[in-house]
Amino acid sequence: MALDRSELIKALTLDDFTPYYQMADEMRRRKKGNEVKIRAIIEISNICARYCTYCGLNAANAKVHRYRMPENEIIETARRAVSVGYKTIVLQSGEDPGLDIEEIGRIIRDIKAMGEIAVTLSLGELDEKEYRYFKECGADRYLLKHETSDPKLYGRLHPDSDLETRIENLRTIKRLGYETGSGFMIGLPGQTVESLADDLLLLKTLGCDMAGMGPFISHPDTPLRGNGHGDTEMTKRVVALARLLLPDANLPVTTALGVLSQKERLEAFSCGANVVMRKTTPDPYRKYYEIYPADIPSADIPGDRLALEKMLDEIGRKGV
């Protein structure tokens, strides 16, 4: 659907957004059907060299118990996830300069050998040769959220990086043949509805194959502590407009939305979303990967999968 900047701004500020929700849900039904893709996330390291002001893993936070999962534990966790039906394994970390590139390559190859399994990487900004190497090892997708398209706001949130570098990384990932994912937060301090419209248009300009949009959640151990959380209604509106702009993209209901409201998390599946991520990181690591505060139960890979499939069945969707 062709929506220009002024139309997006107008839509985001409507008193009644219902027609757009209906159009997005119909677009999702036509393009994606009633299946919801369930992805398994393994958070392989919470070590991060960046100083992002919103993130609990930022390098300045001395309260974080840092870890880097051993190779054999990553492979075993992936194997358990595949055994209960996961078809995509997401390897996620902070921007950890100590990650062994060849080791990650072996992990990718080992996971690909488990069957028809897709591997998504979310390891932050890398050199082009590293992106290329992981692609050659079999990685299918790469997720690198731009977080905001406003250069000044980006600079305040990321004191040691810049927006153009981020966008150039996304262009490189796309050029190398990855299914390319980006995304952004809703409700950041200083964000405007105009910048949200620009965020959506950037996803389209980049030709994103997947996009994750979730509400900002304040972390008490970051410079943005004390700021209000992002609005869940605005988050759902952004997801719906993303579906209309990117009819074929995979759009997850983000974990952050569920932290603020389980009810609205379910409603997002009627706003254009067709993907859900599930944390499969084993104990004890899972409690230490805290980008924002959340209640994190003990690991139960088969139980979590069954519970999610049941929840989706109750709203007329099928988890795959």
C-alpha atoms as a PDB file:
ATOM      1  CA  MET A   1       0.000   0.000   0.000  1.00  0.00           C
ATOM      2  CA  ALA A   2       1.408   3.397  -0.983  1.00  0.00           C
ATOM      3  CA  LEU A   3       1.452   5.618   2.085  1.00  0.00           C
ATOM      4  CA  ASP A   4       3.510   8.800   2.039  1.00  0.00           C
ATOM      5  CA  ARG A   5       4.936  10.617   5.043  1.00  0.00           C
ATOM      6  CA  SER A   6       1.982  12.949   5.547  1.00  0.00           C
ATOM      7  CA  GLU A   7      -0.498  10.063   5.343  1.00  0.00           C
ATOM      8  CA  LEU A   8       1.488   8.067   7.911  1.00  0.00           C
ATOM      9  CA  ILE A   9       1.586  11.020  10.308  1.00  0.00           C
ATOM     10  CA  LYS A  10      -2.141  11.565   9.913  1.00  0.00           C
ATOM     11  CA  ALA A  11      -2.893   7.870  10.451  1.00  0.00           C
ATOM     12  CA  LEU A  12      -0.751   7.665  13.584  1.00  0.00           C
ATOM     13  CA  THR A  13      -2.672  10.563  15.167  1.00  0.00           C
ATOM     14  CA  LEU A  14      -6.231   9.471  14.318  1.00  0.00           C
ATOM     15  CA  ASP A  15      -8.791   9.196  17.110  1.00  0.00           C
ATOM     16  CA  ASP A  16     -10.107   5.987  15.546  1.00  0.00           C
ATOM     17  CA  PHE A  17      -7.493   3.763  13.927  1.00  0.00           C
ATOM     18  CA  THR A  18      -9.903   0.847  13.365  1.00  0.00           C
ATOM     19  CA  PRO A  19      -9.969   0.985   9.526  1.00  0.00           C
ATOM     20  CA  TYR A  20      -6.184   0.658   9.367  1.00  0.00           C
ATOM     21  CA  TYR A  21      -6.208  -2.270  11.795  1.00  0.00           C
ATOM     22  CA  GLN A  22      -8.783  -3.992   9.593  1.00  0.00           C
ATOM     23  CA  MET A  23      -6.768  -3.354   6.424  1.00  0.00           C
ATOM     24  CA  ALA A  24      -3.564  -4.603   8.061  1.00  0.00           C
ATOM     25  CA  ASP A  25      -5.226  -7.750   9.362  1.00  0.00           C
ATOM     26  CA  GLU A  26      -6.682  -8.492   5.938  1.00  0.00           C
ATOM     27  CA  MET A  27      -3.288  -7.912   4.325  1.00  0.00           C
ATOM     28  CA  ARG A  28      -1.699 -10.288   6.849  1.00  0.00           C
ATOM     29  CA  ARG A  29      -4.363 -12.913   6.155  1.00  0.00           C
ATOM     30  CA  ARG A  30      -3.880 -12.683   2.377  1.00  0.00           C
ATOM     31  CA  LYS A  31      -0.079 -12.664   2.477  1.00  0.00           C
ATOM     32  CA  LYS A  32       0.696 -14.864   5.482  1.00  0.00           C
ATOM     33  CA  GLY A  33      -2.456 -16.829   6.282  1.00  0.00           C
ATOM     34  CA  ASN A  34      -3.267 -17.815   9.859  1.00  0.00           C
ATOM     35  CA  GLU A  35       0.116 -19.337  10.631  1.00  0.00           C
ATOM     36  CA  VAL A  36       2.333 -17.655  13.219  1.00  0.00           C
ATOM     37  CA  LYS A  37       6.020 -18.383  12.876  1.00  0.00           C
ATOM     38  CA  ILE A  38       7.587 -19.193  16.248  1.00  0.00           C
ATOM     39  CA  ARG A  39      11.311 -18.389  16.498  1.00  0.00           C
ATOM     40  CA  ALA A  40      13.708 -19.667  19.180  1.00  0.00           C
ATOM     41  CA  ILE A  41      16.150 -17.090  20.550  1.00  0.00           C
ATOM     42  CA  ILE A  42      19.413 -18.162  22.154  1.00  0.00           C
ATOM     43  CA  GLU A  43      21.160 -15.230  23.824  1.00  0.00           C
ATOM     44  CA  ILE A  44      24.750 -16.376  23.447  1.00  0.00           C
ATOM     45  CA  SER A  45      26.486 -13.435  25.153  1.00  0.00           C
ATOM     46  CA  ASN A  46      25.470 -10.359  27.146  1.00  0.00           C
ATOM     47  CA  ILE A  47      28.889  -8.733  26.851  1.00  0.00           C
ATOM     48  CA  CYS A  48      28.621  -5.429  25.001  1.00  0.00           C
ATOM     49  CA  ALA A  49      31.111  -2.744  24.051  1.00  0.00           C
ATOM     50  CA  ARG A  50      28.440  -0.142  23.291  1.00  0.00           C
ATOM     51  CA  TYR A  51      27.054   2.595  25.540  1.00  0.00           C
ATOM     52  CA  CYS A  52      23.461   2.767  24.292  1.00  0.00           C
ATOM     53  CA  THR A  53      21.609   4.835  26.863  1.00  0.00           C
ATOM     54  CA  TYR A  54      18.411   2.734  26.885  1.00  0.00           C
ATOM     55  CA  CYS A  55      19.924  -0.754  27.149  1.00  0.00           C
ATOM     56  CA  GLY A  56      20.549  -2.660  30.359  1.00  0.00           C
ATOM     57  CA  LEU A  57      23.490  -4.442  28.728  1.00  0.00           C
ATOM     58  CA  ASN A  58      25.385  -1.226  27.949  1.00  0.00           C
ATOM     59  CA  ALA A  59      29.098  -1.310  28.701  1.00  0.00           C
ATOM     60  CA  ALA A  60      28.819   1.253  31.503  1.00  0.00           C
ATOM     61  CA  ASN A  61      26.445  -0.902  33.582  1.00  0.00           C
ATOM     62  CA  ALA A  62      28.699  -2.518  36.180  1.00  0.00           C
ATOM     63  CA  LYS A  63      25.755  -4.331  37.791  1.00  0.00           C
ATOM     64  CA  VAL A  64      25.402  -6.825  34.927  1.00  0.00           C
ATOM     65  CA  HIS A  65      26.701 -10.356  35.494  1.00  0.00           C
ATOM     66  CA  ARG A  66      28.445 -10.903  32.159  1.00  0.00           C
ATOM     67  CA  TYR A  67      28.581 -14.231  30.348  1.00  0.00           C
ATOM     68  CA  ARG A  68      29.497 -15.826  27.051  1.00  0.00           C
ATOM     69  CA  MET A  69      27.934 -19.242  26.404  1.00  0.00           C
ATOM     70  CA  PRO A  70      30.304 -22.104  25.489  1.00  0.00           C
ATOM     71  CA  GLU A  71      29.974 -23.509  21.981  1.00  0.00           C
ATOM     72  CA  ASN A  72      28.748 -26.921  23.119  1.00  0.00           C
ATOM     73  CA  GLU A  73      25.953 -25.391  25.219  1.00  0.00           C
ATOM     74  CA  ILE A  74      24.777 -23.255  22.302  1.00  0.00           C
ATOM     75  CA  ILE A  75      24.630 -26.312  20.027  1.00  0.00           C
ATOM     76  CA  GLU A  76      22.821 -28.407  22.638  1.00  0.00           C
ATOM     77  CA  THR A  77      20.274 -25.642  23.263  1.00  0.00           C
ATOM     78  CA  ALA A  78      19.631 -25.326  19.534  1.00  0.00           C
ATOM     79  CA  ARG A  79      19.247 -29.103  19.268  1.00  0.00           C
ATOM     80  CA  ARG A  80      16.645 -29.131  22.050  1.00  0.00           C
ATOM     81  CA  ALA A  81      14.740 -26.288  20.389  1.00  0.00           C
ATOM     82  CA  VAL A  82      14.731 -28.065  17.028  1.00  0.00           C
ATOM     83  CA  SER A  83      13.557 -31.290  18.685  1.00  0.00           C
ATOM     84  CA  VAL A  84      10.341 -29.622  19.890  1.00  0.00           C
ATOM     85  CA  GLY A  85       9.479 -28.044  16.555  1.00  0.00           C
ATOM     86  CA  TYR A  86      11.386 -24.773  16.145  1.00  0.00           C
ATOM     87  CA  LYS A  87      12.337 -24.122  12.520  1.00  0.00           C
ATOM     88  CA  THR A  88      14.333 -20.934  13.118  1.00  0.00           C
ATOM     89  CA  ILE A  89      17.156 -20.426  15.598  1.00  0.00           C
ATOM     90  CA  VAL A  90      18.080 -16.828  16.418  1.00  0.00           C
ATOM     91  CA  LEU A  91      21.578 -16.293  17.817  1.00  0.00           C
ATOM     92  CA  GLN A  92      21.600 -12.978  19.665  1.00  0.00           C
ATOM     93  CA  SER A  93      24.240 -11.148  21.659  1.00  0.00           C
ATOM     94  CA  GLY A  94      25.472  -7.766  22.730  1.00  0.00           C
ATOM     95  CA  GLU A  95      28.149  -6.220  20.525  1.00  0.00           C
ATOM     96  CA  ASP A  96      30.737  -8.568  22.000  1.00  0.00           C
ATOM     97  CA  PRO A  97      34.240  -7.982  20.579  1.00  0.00           C
ATOM     98  CA  GLY A  98      35.354 -11.269  22.118  1.00  0.00           C
ATOM     99  CA  LEU A  99      33.096 -13.477  20.029  1.00  0.00           C
ATOM    100  CA  ASP A 100      35.156 -16.022  18.090  1.00  0.00           C
ATOM    101  CA  ILE A 101      34.139 -15.576  14.464  1.00  0.00           C
ATOM    102  CA  GLU A 102      35.220 -19.064  13.427  1.00  0.00           C
ATOM    103  CA  GLU A 103      33.362 -20.544  16.386  1.00  0.00           C
ATOM    104  CA  ILE A 104      30.175 -18.751  15.353  1.00  0.00           C
ATOM    105  CA  GLY A 105      30.711 -20.140  11.859  1.00  0.00           C
ATOM    106  CA  ARG A 106      30.929 -23.677  13.244  1.00  0.00           C
ATOM    107  CA  ILE A 107      27.776 -23.133  15.280  1.00  0.00           C
ATOM    108  CA  ILE A 108      25.896 -21.929  12.193  1.00  0.00           C
ATOM    109  CA  ARG A 109      27.033 -24.982  10.205  1.00  0.00           C
ATOM    110  CA  ASP A 110      26.120 -27.374  13.019  1.00  0.00           C
ATOM    111  CA  ILE A 111      22.626 -25.898  13.336  1.00  0.00           C
ATOM    112  CA  LYS A 112      22.089 -26.030   9.576  1.00  0.00           C
ATOM    113  CA  ALA A 113      23.054 -29.721   9.674  1.00  0.00           C
ATOM    114  CA  MET A 114      20.102 -30.402  12.009  1.00  0.00           C
ATOM    115  CA  GLY A 115      17.636 -30.221   9.101  1.00  0.00           C
ATOM    116  CA  GLU A 116      15.611 -27.557   7.304  1.00  0.00           C
ATOM    117  CA  ILE A 117      16.464 -24.957   9.924  1.00  0.00           C
ATOM    118  CA  ALA A 118      16.913 -21.227   9.321  1.00  0.00           C
ATOM    119  CA  VAL A 119      19.601 -19.359  11.257  1.00  0.00           C
ATOM    120  CA  THR A 120      19.087 -15.703  12.128  1.00  0.00           C
ATOM    121  CA  LEU A 121      21.938 -13.657  13.554  1.00  0.00           C
ATOM    122  CA  SER A 122      21.597 -10.558  15.734  1.00  0.00           C
ATOM    123  CA  LEU A 123      25.156  -9.762  16.794  1.00  0.00           C
ATOM    124  CA  GLY A 124      25.310  -6.023  16.162  1.00  0.00           C
ATOM    125  CA  GLU A 125      27.479  -4.139  13.680  1.00  0.00           C
ATOM    126  CA  LEU A 126      30.258  -6.209  12.088  1.00  0.00           C
ATOM    127  CA  ASP A 127      32.802  -5.852   9.302  1.00  0.00           C
ATOM    128  CA  GLU A 128      31.615  -6.771   5.811  1.00  0.00           C
ATOM    129  CA  LYS A 129      34.016  -9.728   5.729  1.00  0.00           C
ATOM    130  CA  GLU A 130      32.369 -11.101   8.878  1.00  0.00           C
ATOM    131  CA  TYR A 131      28.862 -10.709   7.471  1.00  0.00           C
ATOM    132  CA  ARG A 132      30.066 -12.447   4.303  1.00  0.00           C
ATOM    133  CA  TYR A 133      31.741 -15.274   6.236  1.00  0.00           C
ATOM    134  CA  PHE A 134      28.602 -16.013   8.252  1.00  0.00           C
ATOM    135  CA  LYS A 135      26.540 -16.013   5.056  1.00  0.00           C
ATOM    136  CA  GLU A 136      28.960 -18.499   3.515  1.00  0.00           C
ATOM    137  CA  CYS A 137      28.588 -20.683   6.622  1.00  0.00           C
ATOM    138  CA  GLY A 138      24.844 -20.832   6.001  1.00  0.00           C
ATOM    139  CA  ALA A 139      23.280 -17.955   7.962  1.00  0.00           C
ATOM    140  CA  ASP A 140      19.947 -16.992   6.403  1.00  0.00           C
ATOM    141  CA  ARG A 141      18.895 -13.762   8.115  1.00  0.00           C
ATOM    142  CA  TYR A 142      20.428 -10.854   9.960  1.00  0.00           C
ATOM    143  CA  LEU A 143      18.587  -8.547  12.371  1.00  0.00           C
ATOM    144  CA  LEU A 144      20.049  -5.097  13.073  1.00  0.00           C
ATOM    145  CA  LYS A 145      17.529  -2.612  14.419  1.00  0.00           C
ATOM    146  CA  HIS A 146      18.073   1.033  13.566  1.00  0.00           C
ATOM    147  CA  GLU A 147      16.061   2.062  16.691  1.00  0.00           C
ATOM    148  CA  THR A 148      15.313   5.578  15.380  1.00  0.00           C
ATOM    149  CA  SER A 149      15.682   7.329  12.030  1.00  0.00           C
ATOM    150  CA  ASP A 150      16.164  10.760  13.657  1.00  0.00           C
ATOM    151  CA  PRO A 151      19.937  11.450  13.437  1.00  0.00           C
ATOM    152  CA  LYS A 152      20.012  13.774  16.457  1.00  0.00           C
ATOM    153  CA  LEU A 153      17.980  11.412  18.620  1.00  0.00           C
ATOM    154  CA  TYR A 154      20.095   8.489  17.414  1.00  0.00           C
ATOM    155  CA  GLY A 155      23.212  10.351  18.513  1.00  0.00           C
ATOM    156  CA  ARG A 156      21.808  10.991  21.985  1.00  0.00           C
ATOM    157  CA  LEU A 157      20.853   7.334  22.382  1.00  0.00           C
ATOM    158  CA  HIS A 158      24.096   5.981  20.887  1.00  0.00           C
ATOM    159  CA  PRO A 159      26.984   8.217  22.003  1.00  0.00           C
ATOM    160  CA  ASP A 160      29.589   5.989  20.344  1.00  0.00           C
ATOM    161  CA  SER A 161      27.978   5.441  16.931  1.00  0.00           C
ATOM    162  CA  ASP A 162      25.993   7.215  14.235  1.00  0.00           C
ATOM    163  CA  LEU A 163      22.862   6.548  12.204  1.00  0.00           C
ATOM    164  CA  GLU A 164      24.489   6.569   8.761  1.00  0.00           C
ATOM    165  CA  THR A 165      26.916   3.818   9.810  1.00  0.00           C
ATOM    166  CA  ARG A 166      23.978   1.752  11.025  1.00  0.00           C
ATOM    167  CA  ILE A 167      22.092   2.238   7.764  1.00  0.00           C
ATOM    168  CA  GLU A 168      25.191   1.409   5.716  1.00  0.00           C
ATOM    169  CA  ASN A 169      25.525  -1.857   7.664  1.00  0.00           C
ATOM    170  CA  LEU A 170      21.921  -2.695   6.802  1.00  0.00           C
ATOM    171  CA  ARG A 171      22.582  -1.960   3.128  1.00  0.00           C
ATOM    172  CA  THR A 172      25.612  -4.258   3.227  1.00  0.00           C
ATOM    173  CA  ILE A 173      23.602  -7.052   4.860  1.00  0.00           C
ATOM    174  CA  LYS A 174      20.929  -6.733   2.185  1.00  0.00           C
ATOM    175  CA  ARG A 175      23.505  -6.689  -0.628  1.00  0.00           C
ATOM    176  CA  LEU A 176      25.117  -9.884   0.677  1.00  0.00           C
ATOM    177  CA  GLY A 177      21.821 -11.746   0.265  1.00  0.00           C
ATOM    178  CA  TYR A 178      20.582 -12.003   3.831  1.00  0.00           C
ATOM    179  CA  GLU A 179      16.911 -11.722   4.645  1.00  0.00           C
ATOM    180  CA  THR A 180      17.369  -8.350   6.288  1.00  0.00           C
ATOM    181  CA  GLY A 181      15.668  -7.202   9.457  1.00  0.00           C
ATOM    182  CA  SER A 182      15.551  -3.851  11.189  1.00  0.00           C
ATOM    183  CA  GLY A 183      13.157  -2.151  13.576  1.00  0.00           C
ATOM    184  CA  PHE A 184      12.759   0.563  16.149  1.00  0.00           C
ATOM    185  CA  MET A 185      11.366   1.522  19.526  1.00  0.00           C
ATOM    186  CA  ILE A 186       8.181   3.460  20.153  1.00  0.00           C
ATOM    187  CA  GLY A 187       8.043   6.037  22.940  1.00  0.00           C
ATOM    188  CA  LEU A 188      11.705   7.003  23.199  1.00  0.00           C
ATOM    189  CA  PRO A 189      12.272  10.262  25.109  1.00  0.00           C
ATOM    190  CA  GLY A 190      12.350  13.030  22.494  1.00  0.00           C
ATOM    191  CA  GLN A 191      10.730  10.961  19.760  1.00  0.00           C
ATOM    192  CA  THR A 192       8.043  12.565  17.586  1.00  0.00           C
ATOM    193  CA  VAL A 193       5.254  11.141  15.467  1.00  0.00           C
ATOM    194  CA  GLU A 194       7.090  12.553  12.454  1.00  0.00           C
ATOM    195  CA  SER A 195      10.166  10.461  13.268  1.00  0.00           C
ATOM    196  CA  LEU A 196       7.965   7.366  13.629  1.00  0.00           C
ATOM    197  CA  ALA A 197       6.701   7.981  10.110  1.00  0.00           C
ATOM    198  CA  ASP A 198      10.312   8.289   8.948  1.00  0.00           C
ATOM    199  CA  ASP A 199      11.157   5.027  10.746  1.00  0.00           C
ATOM    200  CA  LEU A 200       8.453   3.235   8.792  1.00  0.00           C
ATOM    201  CA  LEU A 201       9.581   4.726   5.484  1.00  0.00           C
ATOM    202  CA  LEU A 202      13.186   3.719   6.202  1.00  0.00           C
ATOM    203  CA  LEU A 203      12.077   0.088   6.561  1.00  0.00           C
ATOM    204  CA  LYS A 204      10.515   0.345   3.117  1.00  0.00           C
ATOM    205  CA  THR A 205      13.502   2.128   1.584  1.00  0.00           C
ATOM    206  CA  LEU A 206      15.849  -0.571   2.869  1.00  0.00           C
ATOM    207  CA  GLY A 207      13.571  -3.312   1.554  1.00  0.00           C
ATOM    208  CA  CYS A 208      13.415  -5.031   4.927  1.00  0.00           C
ATOM    209  CA  ASP A 209      12.258  -8.638   4.946  1.00  0.00           C
ATOM    210  CA  MET A 210      11.457  -8.490   8.649  1.00  0.00           C
ATOM    211  CA  ALA A 211      10.944  -5.713  11.167  1.00  0.00           C
ATOM    212  CA  GLY A 212      10.500  -5.627  14.928  1.00  0.00           C
ATOM    213  CA  MET A 213       8.757  -2.657  16.521  1.00  0.00           C
ATOM    214  CA  GLY A 214       8.251  -2.564  20.264  1.00  0.00           C
ATOM    215  CA  PRO A 215       7.659  -0.058  23.058  1.00  0.00           C
ATOM    216  CA  PHE A 216      10.538   1.562  24.882  1.00  0.00           C
ATOM    217  CA  ILE A 217      10.836   0.191  28.419  1.00  0.00           C
ATOM    218  CA  SER A 218      12.917   2.158  30.903  1.00  0.00           C
ATOM    219  CA  HIS A 219      15.734   0.266  32.652  1.00  0.00           C
ATOM    220  CA  PRO A 220      16.752   1.493  36.144  1.00  0.00           C
ATOM    221  CA  ASP A 221      20.472   0.997  35.470  1.00  0.00           C
ATOM    222  CA  THR A 222      20.686   3.191  32.369  1.00  0.00           C
ATOM    223  CA  PRO A 223      20.883   6.952  31.715  1.00  0.00           C
ATOM    224  CA  LEU A 224      17.211   6.875  30.602  1.00  0.00           C
ATOM    225  CA  ARG A 225      15.961   5.511  33.915  1.00  0.00           C
ATOM    226  CA  GLY A 226      12.797   7.143  35.173  1.00  0.00           C
ATOM    227  CA  ASN A 227      11.367   7.915  31.743  1.00  0.00           C
ATOM    228  CA  GLY A 228       7.883   6.631  30.945  1.00  0.00           C
ATOM    229  CA  HIS A 229       7.406   3.483  28.901  1.00  0.00           C
ATOM    230  CA  GLY A 230       6.311   3.550  25.273  1.00  0.00           C
ATOM    231  CA  ASP A 231       2.612   3.558  24.425  1.00  0.00           C
ATOM    232  CA  THR A 232       1.186   0.135  23.555  1.00  0.00           C
ATOM    233  CA  GLU A 233      -1.562   1.558  21.345  1.00  0.00           C
ATOM    234  CA  MET A 234       0.967   3.508  19.281  1.00  0.00           C
ATOM    235  CA  THR A 235       3.054   0.343  19.019  1.00  0.00           C
ATOM    236  CA  LYS A 236       0.127  -1.574  17.520  1.00  0.00           C
ATOM    237  CA  ARG A 237      -0.531   1.271  15.073  1.00  0.00           C
ATOM    238  CA  VAL A 238       3.082   1.183  13.916  1.00  0.00           C
ATOM    239  CA  VAL A 239       2.913  -2.595  13.379  1.00  0.00           C
ATOM    240  CA  ALA A 240      -0.274  -2.211  11.327  1.00  0.00           C
ATOM    241  CA  LEU A 241       1.220   0.487   9.106  1.00  0.00           C
ATOM    242  CA  ALA A 242       4.369  -1.604   8.655  1.00  0.00           C
ATOM    243  CA  ARG A 243       2.195  -4.442   7.355  1.00  0.00           C
ATOM    244  CA  LEU A 244       0.567  -2.109   4.837  1.00  0.00           C
ATOM    245  CA  LEU A 245       3.936  -0.724   3.703  1.00  0.00           C
ATOM    246  CA  LEU A 246       5.671  -4.133   3.657  1.00  0.00           C
ATOM    247  CA  PRO A 247       2.977  -6.686   2.758  1.00  0.00           C
ATOM    248  CA  ASP A 248       5.394  -9.636   2.478  1.00  0.00           C
ATOM    249  CA  ALA A 249       7.566  -8.915   5.510  1.00  0.00           C
ATOM    250  CA  ASN A 250       7.663 -11.009   8.660  1.00  0.00           C
ATOM    251  CA  LEU A 251       6.534  -8.841  11.569  1.00  0.00           C
ATOM    252  CA  PRO A 252       6.940 -10.134  15.131  1.00  0.00           C
ATOM    253  CA  VAL A 253       4.907  -9.287  18.177  1.00  0.00           C
ATOM    254  CA  THR A 254       7.829  -8.133  20.305  1.00  0.00           C
ATOM    255  CA  THR A 255       8.529  -9.432  23.789  1.00  0.00           C
ATOM    256  CA  ALA A 256       8.578  -5.851  25.077  1.00  0.00           C
ATOM    257  CA  LEU A 257       4.905  -5.395  24.185  1.00  0.00           C
ATOM    258  CA  GLY A 258       4.045  -8.498  26.199  1.00  0.00           C
ATOM    259  CA  VAL A 259       5.972  -7.162  29.189  1.00  0.00           C
ATOM    260  CA  LEU A 260       3.722  -4.075  29.279  1.00  0.00           C
ATOM    261  CA  SER A 261       0.445  -5.787  28.347  1.00  0.00           C
ATOM    262  CA  GLN A 262      -0.272  -9.447  27.591  1.00  0.00           C
ATOM    263  CA  LYS A 263      -3.724  -8.424  26.355  1.00  0.00           C
ATOM    264  CA  GLU A 264      -2.330  -6.004  23.789  1.00  0.00           C
ATOM    265  CA  ARG A 265       0.353  -8.496  22.841  1.00  0.00           C
ATOM    266  CA  LEU A 266      -2.413 -10.853  21.733  1.00  0.00           C
ATOM    267  CA  GLU A 267      -4.268  -8.021  20.003  1.00  0.00           C
ATOM    268  CA  ALA A 268      -1.153  -7.304  17.918  1.00  0.00           C
ATOM    269  CA  PHE A 269      -1.773 -10.563  16.038  1.00  0.00           C
ATOM    270  CA  SER A 270      -4.859  -8.825  14.633  1.00  0.00           C
ATOM    271  CA  CYS A 271      -2.838  -5.750  13.646  1.00  0.00           C
ATOM    272  CA  GLY A 272      -0.645  -7.381  11.009  1.00  0.00           C
ATOM    273  CA  ALA A 273       1.911  -9.356  13.042  1.00  0.00           C
ATOM    274  CA  ASN A 274       2.720 -12.948  12.063  1.00  0.00           C
ATOM    275  CA  VAL A 275       5.808 -13.895  14.119  1.00  0.00           C
ATOM    276  CA  VAL A 276       6.582 -14.425  17.794  1.00  0.00           C
ATOM    277  CA  MET A 277       9.983 -14.891  19.419  1.00  0.00           C
ATOM    278  CA  ARG A 278      10.534 -17.267  22.334  1.00  0.00           C
ATOM    279  CA  LYS A 279      13.518 -17.150  24.669  1.00  0.00           C
ATOM    280  CA  THR A 280      15.189 -20.575  24.785  1.00  0.00           C
ATOM    281  CA  THR A 281      18.385 -19.413  26.496  1.00  0.00           C
ATOM    282  CA  PRO A 282      19.190 -21.962  29.221  1.00  0.00           C
ATOM    283  CA  ASP A 283      19.539 -21.333  32.933  1.00  0.00           C
ATOM    284  CA  PRO A 284      21.423 -19.636  34.447  1.00  0.00           C
ATOM    285  CA  TYR A 285      22.250 -17.324  31.517  1.00  0.00           C
ATOM    286  CA  ARG A 286      18.686 -16.295  30.638  1.00  0.00           C
ATOM    287  CA  LYS A 287      18.196 -14.060  33.704  1.00  0.00           C
ATOM    288  CA  TYR A 288      21.349 -12.097  32.888  1.00  0.00           C
ATOM    289  CA  TYR A 289      20.238 -11.018  29.412  1.00  0.00           C
ATOM    290  CA  GLU A 290      18.198  -8.014  30.524  1.00  0.00           C
ATOM    291  CA  ILE A 291      17.907  -5.252  27.949  1.00  0.00           C
ATOM    292  CA  TYR A 292      14.867  -4.027  29.914  1.00  0.00           C
ATOM    293  CA  PRO A 293      13.353  -5.261  33.189  1.00  0.00           C
ATOM    294  CA  ALA A 294      11.128  -8.329  32.873  1.00  0.00           C
ATOM    295  CA  ASP A 295      10.073 -11.339  34.892  1.00  0.00           C
ATOM    296  CA  ILE A 296      12.041 -14.227  33.409  1.00  0.00           C
ATOM    297  CA  PRO A 297      10.914 -17.745  34.397  1.00  0.00           C
ATOM    298  CA  SER A 298      13.207 -20.755  34.429  1.00  0.00           C
ATOM    299  CA  ALA A 299      13.953 -22.445  31.133  1.00  0.00           C
ATOM    300  CA  ASP A 300      11.389 -24.965  29.880  1.00  0.00           C
ATOM    301  CA  ILE A 301      11.858 -25.280  26.118  1.00  0.00           C
ATOM    302  CA  PRO A 302       9.147 -27.907  25.427  1.00  0.00           C
ATOM    303  CA  GLY A 303       6.702 -26.441  27.945  1.00  0.00           C
ATOM    304  CA  ASP A 304       7.081 -22.899  26.633  1.00  0.00           C
ATOM    305  CA  ARG A 305       6.513 -24.090  23.079  1.00  0.00           C
ATOM    306  CA  LEU A 306       3.357 -25.992  24.005  1.00  0.00           C
ATOM    307  CA  ALA A 307       1.983 -23.045  25.994  1.00  0.00           C
ATOM    308  CA  LEU A 308       2.580 -20.689  23.081  1.00  0.00           C
ATOM    309  CA  GLU A 309       0.936 -23.037  20.579  1.00  0.00           C
ATOM    310  CA  LYS A 310      -2.083 -23.325  22.883  1.00  0.00           C
ATOM    311  CA  MET A 311      -2.349 -19.545  23.239  1.00  0.00           C
ATOM    312  CA  LEU A 312      -2.214 -19.101  19.476  1.00  0.00           C
ATOM    313  CA  ASP A 313      -4.823 -21.803  18.947  1.00  0.00           C
ATOM    314  CA  GLU A 314      -7.178 -19.955  21.269  1.00  0.00           C
ATOM    315  CA  ILE A 315      -7.065 -16.871  19.008  1.00  0.00           C
ATOM    316  CA  GLY A 316      -7.506 -18.879  15.837  1.00  0.00           C
ATOM    317  CA  ARG A 317      -3.871 -19.049  14.756  1.00  0.00           C
ATOM    318  CA  LYS A 318      -1.511 -21.971  14.238  1.00  0.00           C
ATOM    319  CA  GLY A 319       2.021 -21.845  15.567  1.00  0.00           C
ATOM    320  CA  VAL A 320       4.598 -23.244  13.136  1.00  0.00           C
END
